[in-house]
N, C-alpha and C. Protein backbone atom coordinates (compact mmCIF):
# COMPACT_ATOMS: atom_id res chain seq x y z
N UNK A 1 0.86 -1.25 0.01
CA UNK A 1 -0.04 -0.15 0.09
C UNK A 1 1.08 1.57 0.14
N UNK A 2 0.67 2.09 -0.94
CA UNK A 2 1.33 3.31 -0.99
C UNK A 2 0.86 4.22 0.03
N UNK A 3 1.41 5.00 0.68
CA UNK A 3 1.46 6.05 1.60
C UNK A 3 1.58 7.38 1.19
N UNK A 4 0.57 8.27 1.94
CA UNK A 4 0.93 9.98 1.37
C UNK A 4 0.60 10.56 2.38
N UNK A 5 2.11 11.52 2.80
CA UNK A 5 1.39 12.47 3.72
C UNK A 5 0.83 13.81 3.03
N UNK A 6 -0.10 14.39 3.11
CA UNK A 6 -0.68 15.78 2.66
C UNK A 6 -0.47 16.65 3.47
N UNK A 7 0.34 17.80 3.31
CA UNK A 7 0.44 18.71 4.52
C UNK A 7 -0.97 19.71 3.80
N UNK A 8 -1.68 19.89 5.11
CA UNK A 8 -2.72 20.80 4.57
C UNK A 8 -2.43 22.60 4.92
N UNK A 9 -2.42 23.42 4.44
CA UNK A 9 -2.10 24.48 4.14
C UNK A 9 -3.52 25.64 4.38
N UNK A 10 -4.63 25.06 4.74
CA UNK A 10 -6.04 25.73 4.83
C UNK A 10 -6.60 24.82 6.11
N UNK A 11 -7.93 25.15 6.44
CA UNK A 11 -8.44 24.94 7.48
C UNK A 11 -9.10 23.24 6.91
N UNK A 12 -9.63 23.22 5.76
CA UNK A 12 -9.97 21.93 5.17
C UNK A 12 -9.72 21.89 3.34
N UNK A 13 -9.88 20.86 2.90
CA UNK A 13 -9.77 20.46 1.49
C UNK A 13 -10.93 19.57 1.38
N UNK A 14 -11.51 19.63 0.43
CA UNK A 14 -12.76 18.78 -0.19
C UNK A 14 -11.80 17.52 -0.53
N UNK A 15 -12.98 16.50 -0.20
CA UNK A 15 -12.35 15.04 -0.98
C UNK A 15 -12.22 14.90 -2.12
N UNK A 16 -13.13 15.32 -2.89
CA UNK A 16 -12.99 15.22 -4.60
C UNK A 16 -11.80 16.26 -4.92
N UNK A 17 -11.74 16.91 -4.18
CA UNK A 17 -10.27 17.88 -4.48
C UNK A 17 -9.21 17.58 -4.47
N UNK A 18 -9.01 16.73 -3.24
CA UNK A 18 -7.68 16.14 -3.22
C UNK A 18 -7.46 14.89 -3.73
N UNK A 19 -8.47 14.04 -4.11
CA UNK A 19 -8.11 13.19 -4.96
C UNK A 19 -7.53 13.72 -6.23
N UNK A 20 -8.00 14.88 -6.80
CA UNK A 20 -7.70 15.37 -8.32
C UNK A 20 -6.47 15.83 -7.97
N UNK A 21 -6.08 16.63 -6.76
CA UNK A 21 -4.85 17.41 -6.74
C UNK A 21 -3.83 16.28 -6.42
N UNK A 22 -4.03 15.02 -5.87
CA UNK A 22 -2.98 14.33 -5.86
C UNK A 22 -2.85 13.37 -7.15
N UNK A 23 -3.61 13.40 -8.48
CA UNK A 23 -3.83 12.79 -9.29
C UNK A 23 -4.11 11.41 -9.26
N UNK A 24 -4.83 10.90 -7.99
CA UNK A 24 -5.20 9.72 -7.89
C UNK A 24 -6.18 9.33 -8.60
N UNK A 25 -7.38 10.77 -9.49
CA UNK A 25 -8.19 10.92 -10.43
C UNK A 25 -7.85 11.74 -11.71
N UNK A 26 -8.25 11.28 -12.72
CA UNK A 26 -7.96 12.11 -13.67
C UNK A 26 -8.74 13.48 -13.96
N UNK A 27 -10.04 13.66 -13.26
CA UNK A 27 -11.12 14.61 -13.47
C UNK A 27 -11.95 14.35 -12.37
N UNK A 28 -12.47 15.78 -12.25
CA UNK A 28 -13.55 15.89 -11.08
C UNK A 28 -14.64 14.80 -11.47
N UNK A 29 -14.96 14.82 -12.75
CA UNK A 29 -15.99 13.60 -12.97
C UNK A 29 -15.67 12.37 -12.32
N UNK A 30 -14.51 12.09 -12.24
CA UNK A 30 -14.14 10.68 -12.06
C UNK A 30 -14.29 10.54 -10.56
N UNK A 31 -13.35 11.60 -10.08
CA UNK A 31 -13.40 11.49 -8.34
C UNK A 31 -14.86 11.35 -8.00
N UNK A 32 -15.79 12.45 -8.50
CA UNK A 32 -16.95 12.39 -8.16
C UNK A 32 -17.76 10.80 -8.54
N UNK A 33 -17.63 10.32 -9.28
CA UNK A 33 -17.84 8.83 -9.48
C UNK A 33 -17.19 7.63 -8.45
N UNK A 34 -15.99 7.87 -8.12
CA UNK A 34 -15.32 6.86 -7.19
C UNK A 34 -16.30 7.09 -5.88
N UNK A 35 -16.26 8.52 -5.50
CA UNK A 35 -16.93 8.29 -4.30
C UNK A 35 -18.38 8.41 -4.36
N UNK A 36 -19.01 8.59 -5.19
CA UNK A 36 -20.48 7.66 -5.46
C UNK A 36 -20.47 6.26 -5.24
N UNK A 37 -19.71 5.56 -6.19
CA UNK A 37 -19.17 4.18 -6.02
C UNK A 37 -19.19 3.51 -4.89
N UNK A 38 -18.48 4.07 -3.73
CA UNK A 38 -18.59 3.80 -2.18
C UNK A 38 -16.81 3.25 -2.17
N UNK A 39 -16.19 3.47 -3.25
CA UNK A 39 -14.54 3.26 -3.61
C UNK A 39 -13.63 4.13 -2.52
N UNK A 40 -14.20 5.16 -1.55
CA UNK A 40 -13.13 6.05 -1.26
C UNK A 40 -13.66 5.62 0.30
N UNK A 41 -12.64 5.64 1.48
CA UNK A 41 -12.83 5.48 2.72
C UNK A 41 -12.53 6.88 3.43
N UNK A 42 -13.11 7.25 4.37
CA UNK A 42 -12.70 8.30 5.00
C UNK A 42 -12.57 7.77 6.80
N UNK A 43 -11.27 7.85 7.21
CA UNK A 43 -11.28 7.43 8.60
C UNK A 43 -11.86 6.07 8.59
N UNK A 44 -11.56 5.09 7.87
CA UNK A 44 -11.83 3.85 7.90
C UNK A 44 -13.37 3.44 7.77
N UNK A 45 -14.29 4.31 7.28
CA UNK A 45 -15.79 4.26 6.79
C UNK A 45 -15.45 4.80 5.68
N UNK A 46 -16.52 3.94 4.89
CA UNK A 46 -17.14 4.23 3.26
C UNK A 46 -17.54 5.71 3.49
N UNK A 47 -16.94 6.71 2.29
CA UNK A 47 -17.64 8.07 2.59
C UNK A 47 -18.43 8.05 1.12
N UNK A 48 -19.35 8.78 1.23
CA UNK A 48 -20.48 9.27 -0.05
C UNK A 48 -20.29 10.58 -0.17
N UNK A 49 -20.12 11.40 0.69
CA UNK A 49 -20.30 12.83 0.55
C UNK A 49 -19.09 13.41 -0.75
N UNK A 50 -19.13 13.77 -1.53
CA UNK A 50 -18.08 13.98 -2.42
C UNK A 50 -17.51 15.38 -1.98
N UNK A 51 -18.24 16.44 -1.22
CA UNK A 51 -17.06 17.50 -0.89
C UNK A 51 -17.31 17.54 0.93
N UNK A 52 -16.69 16.25 1.31
CA UNK A 52 -16.60 15.84 2.80
C UNK A 52 -15.56 16.73 2.99
N UNK A 53 -15.46 17.59 4.33
CA UNK A 53 -14.26 18.42 4.62
C UNK A 53 -13.27 17.57 5.31
N UNK A 54 -12.01 17.58 4.53
CA UNK A 54 -10.89 16.89 5.22
C UNK A 54 -10.26 17.61 6.11
N UNK A 55 -9.98 17.39 7.09
CA UNK A 55 -8.89 18.17 8.35
C UNK A 55 -7.74 17.47 8.77
N UNK A 56 -7.11 18.25 9.33
CA UNK A 56 -5.78 17.55 10.05
C UNK A 56 -6.05 16.46 10.92
N UNK A 57 -5.57 15.37 10.59
CA UNK A 57 -5.06 14.06 11.30
C UNK A 57 -6.07 12.98 11.12
N UNK A 58 -7.00 13.40 9.53
CA UNK A 58 -8.01 12.45 8.77
C UNK A 58 -7.39 11.55 8.09
N UNK A 59 -7.57 10.34 7.48
CA UNK A 59 -6.99 9.55 6.73
C UNK A 59 -7.99 9.37 5.59
N UNK A 60 -7.54 9.14 4.29
CA UNK A 60 -8.34 8.74 3.40
C UNK A 60 -7.53 7.62 3.14
N UNK A 61 -8.47 6.52 2.30
CA UNK A 61 -7.87 5.39 1.60
C UNK A 61 -8.62 4.92 0.30
N UNK A 62 -7.72 4.79 -0.95
CA UNK A 62 -8.60 4.86 -2.15
C UNK A 62 -7.40 3.99 -2.80
N UNK A 63 -8.08 3.05 -3.70
CA UNK A 63 -7.05 2.53 -4.74
C UNK A 63 -5.85 1.75 -4.25
N UNK A 64 -5.95 1.31 -2.79
CA UNK A 64 -4.67 0.93 -2.79
C UNK A 64 -3.92 2.10 -2.24
N UNK A 65 -4.04 3.11 -1.68
CA UNK A 65 -3.33 4.25 -1.58
C UNK A 65 -3.98 5.11 -0.15
N UNK A 66 -3.05 5.06 0.90
CA UNK A 66 -3.22 5.84 2.13
C UNK A 66 -2.69 7.05 2.45
N UNK A 67 -3.82 8.21 2.41
CA UNK A 67 -3.15 9.54 2.46
C UNK A 67 -3.65 9.97 3.87
N UNK A 68 -2.90 10.59 4.39
CA UNK A 68 -2.96 11.10 6.05
C UNK A 68 -2.77 12.51 5.64
N UNK A 69 -3.84 13.50 6.29
CA UNK A 69 -3.87 14.79 6.13
C UNK A 69 -3.27 15.39 7.39
N UNK A 70 -2.09 15.93 7.39
CA UNK A 70 -1.29 16.73 8.29
C UNK A 70 -1.32 18.16 8.27
């Protein structure tokens, strides 16, 4: 499993924006689709909210990648 530490520079980042920013999805529509299909976990729970606000100490799992928000 690949691990990525993402340094947050604002109060939060939306889930689909994070997936696009880290190039885990090629487009916004692809990011929305993978969230809608339940392929993304937020703090070990399947997340269906596209614009879920991710804050420091949160963890996202997608496509054999773990992203820690710092």
